Amino acid sequence: SLLSAVAYMGYEINPATGGYRSLYDWQSSSIVDEAHKYNCKVLLSASCYGKKDNYSFLSSSSSKTNFIKSIVALVTEKQADGVHLDLMGVPYESQSSFADLVIELSAELKSKNKNAILSVSLPAADLENAYQIQPIRSYVDLFVV
């Protein structure tokens, strides 16, 4: 009852396909129903770590498309409240692909539920200037540092 939202650490992105390596029991978890009893929102967190994996994932339009379709379907099926995107280690070369992913994910997510939430993790120090906030700020509901 003290929480306003929970990001369920669940969708581990397979960079080669955009599908998931693991969902960490997302489909069988009762977290959405339990959280909703207390007016707490639940976001399915999608993660991919490291420059090599993020470059691979963000460089493939089919992987990004597959990811978007897959995660939106999982969120919609569970009647969750949105997605938390946690791509740590986005290389500078992928900054526009990252922005495209955020914009496309937001559009698809909100086409299924206009009240859906998209939150995005950002590093405290973006030394490579890989995370461009300006092009995505109107598509993201919450940035998490």
Protein backbone atom coordinates (compact mmCIF):
# COMPACT_ATOMS: atom_id res chain seq x y z
CA SER A 1 0.00 0.00 0.00
CA LEU A 2 3.02 2.30 0.27
CA LEU A 3 4.07 1.75 -3.33
CA SER A 4 2.78 3.61 -6.36
CA ALA A 5 4.45 1.33 -8.93
CA VAL A 6 6.51 -1.83 -9.18
CA ALA A 7 8.84 -2.68 -12.06
CA TYR A 8 8.80 -6.47 -12.31
CA MET A 9 12.28 -7.61 -13.32
CA GLY A 10 11.18 -10.03 -15.92
CA TYR A 11 11.90 -9.61 -19.63
CA GLU A 12 15.55 -10.39 -20.26
CA ILE A 13 16.02 -9.40 -23.91
CA ASN A 14 17.70 -11.82 -26.29
CA PRO A 15 19.66 -9.31 -28.41
CA ALA A 16 19.73 -11.61 -31.44
CA THR A 17 15.96 -11.94 -31.73
CA GLY A 18 14.30 -9.37 -29.48
CA GLY A 19 12.47 -12.22 -27.80
CA TYR A 20 13.13 -13.04 -24.19
CA ARG A 21 15.77 -15.23 -22.64
CA SER A 22 13.74 -15.39 -19.47
CA LEU A 23 10.53 -13.93 -18.06
CA TYR A 24 11.25 -14.85 -14.44
CA ASP A 25 7.78 -16.31 -13.86
CA TRP A 26 5.95 -13.25 -15.23
CA GLN A 27 3.18 -15.34 -16.75
CA SER A 28 2.44 -17.26 -13.55
CA SER A 29 3.04 -14.44 -11.09
CA SER A 30 0.07 -12.93 -9.26
CA ILE A 31 1.86 -9.60 -8.79
CA VAL A 32 -0.44 -7.63 -11.11
CA ASP A 33 -3.63 -8.71 -9.37
CA GLU A 34 -2.11 -8.23 -5.91
CA ALA A 35 -0.65 -4.81 -6.69
CA HIS A 36 -3.88 -3.60 -8.28
CA LYS A 37 -5.74 -4.37 -5.03
CA TYR A 38 -3.71 -1.54 -3.50
CA ASN A 39 -3.85 0.83 -6.50
CA CYS A 40 -0.21 0.04 -7.25
CA LYS A 41 0.80 -0.06 -10.91
CA VAL A 42 2.94 -2.86 -12.37
CA LEU A 43 5.40 -2.40 -15.21
CA LEU A 44 7.16 -5.28 -16.91
CA SER A 45 10.84 -4.38 -16.88
CA ALA A 46 12.83 -5.23 -20.02
CA SER A 47 16.59 -5.39 -19.68
CA CYS A 48 19.63 -5.69 -21.90
CA TYR A 49 23.12 -4.96 -20.60
CA GLY A 50 26.43 -4.18 -22.21
CA LYS A 51 27.49 -2.32 -25.33
CA LYS A 52 27.89 -5.46 -27.46
CA ASP A 53 24.41 -6.84 -26.70
CA ASN A 54 22.71 -3.46 -26.97
CA TYR A 55 24.45 -2.71 -30.26
CA SER A 56 23.34 -6.08 -31.62
CA PHE A 57 19.76 -5.61 -30.43
CA LEU A 58 19.38 -2.00 -31.52
CA SER A 59 21.00 -2.60 -34.92
CA SER A 60 18.36 -5.10 -35.99
CA SER A 61 14.97 -3.73 -37.01
CA SER A 62 13.49 -7.24 -36.87
CA SER A 63 14.76 -7.73 -33.29
CA LYS A 64 13.28 -4.40 -32.21
CA THR A 65 9.96 -5.17 -33.91
CA ASN A 66 9.83 -8.64 -32.37
CA PHE A 67 10.63 -7.20 -28.93
CA ILE A 68 7.91 -4.55 -29.15
CA LYS A 69 5.25 -7.03 -30.27
CA SER A 70 6.28 -9.56 -27.64
CA ILE A 71 6.46 -7.28 -24.61
CA VAL A 72 3.28 -5.37 -25.47
CA ALA A 73 1.42 -8.68 -25.83
CA LEU A 74 2.72 -9.86 -22.43
CA VAL A 75 1.72 -6.61 -20.72
CA THR A 76 -1.70 -6.59 -22.40
CA GLU A 77 -2.37 -10.23 -21.56
CA LYS A 78 -1.66 -9.67 -17.84
CA GLN A 79 -3.45 -6.30 -17.80
CA ALA A 80 -0.31 -4.73 -16.43
CA ASP A 81 0.19 -0.98 -16.55
CA GLY A 82 3.18 -0.63 -18.82
CA VAL A 83 6.84 -1.23 -19.53
CA HIS A 84 10.06 -0.19 -17.88
CA LEU A 85 12.95 -0.15 -20.38
CA ASP A 86 16.37 -0.77 -18.85
CA LEU A 87 19.07 -0.83 -21.53
CA MET A 88 22.35 -0.16 -19.78
CA GLY A 89 25.41 0.31 -21.92
CA VAL A 90 23.88 1.71 -25.07
CA PRO A 91 26.80 2.63 -27.34
CA TYR A 92 27.04 6.08 -28.89
CA GLU A 93 26.55 4.58 -32.37
CA SER A 94 23.12 3.33 -31.29
CA GLN A 95 21.67 6.59 -29.96
CA SER A 96 19.24 7.11 -32.84
CA SER A 97 18.22 3.42 -32.82
CA PHE A 98 17.57 3.69 -29.08
CA ALA A 99 15.37 6.74 -29.64
CA ASP A 100 13.51 4.95 -32.44
CA LEU A 101 12.91 1.96 -30.15
CA VAL A 102 11.47 4.16 -27.40
CA ILE A 103 9.19 6.02 -29.81
CA GLU A 104 7.93 2.83 -31.49
CA LEU A 105 7.45 1.05 -28.15
CA SER A 106 5.49 3.99 -26.77
CA ALA A 107 3.22 4.12 -29.82
CA GLU A 108 2.47 0.40 -29.76
CA LEU A 109 1.99 0.28 -26.00
CA LYS A 110 -0.37 3.25 -25.97
CA SER A 111 -2.31 1.93 -28.96
CA LYS A 112 -3.34 -1.00 -26.74
CA ASN A 113 -3.91 1.08 -23.60
CA LYS A 114 -3.92 4.86 -23.80
CA ASN A 115 -3.07 5.03 -20.07
CA ALA A 116 -0.08 2.71 -20.34
CA ILE A 117 3.13 3.90 -18.73
CA LEU A 118 6.56 3.80 -20.33
CA SER A 119 9.48 4.41 -18.03
CA VAL A 120 13.12 4.39 -19.10
CA SER A 121 16.27 3.92 -17.05
CA LEU A 122 19.09 6.35 -17.71
CA PRO A 123 22.64 6.17 -16.37
CA ALA A 124 23.62 8.74 -13.75
CA ALA A 125 26.57 9.69 -15.95
CA ASP A 126 26.19 9.31 -19.71
CA LEU A 127 29.84 9.81 -20.60
CA GLU A 128 29.35 8.78 -24.24
CA ASN A 129 26.23 10.91 -24.74
CA ALA A 130 24.39 7.82 -26.00
CA TYR A 131 21.05 8.55 -24.34
CA GLN A 132 19.47 11.46 -26.14
CA ILE A 133 16.56 12.64 -23.98
CA GLN A 134 15.23 15.44 -26.19
CA PRO A 135 13.86 13.24 -29.02
CA ILE A 136 12.13 10.81 -26.62
CA ARG A 137 10.95 12.99 -23.76
CA SER A 138 7.39 13.36 -25.03
CA TYR A 139 7.10 9.56 -25.41
CA VAL A 140 8.35 8.63 -21.93
CA ASP A 141 6.22 9.00 -18.82
CA LEU A 142 9.03 8.59 -16.32
CA PHE A 143 12.82 8.61 -16.47
CA VAL A 144 14.60 6.64 -13.76
CA VAL A 145 18.23 7.45 -12.94
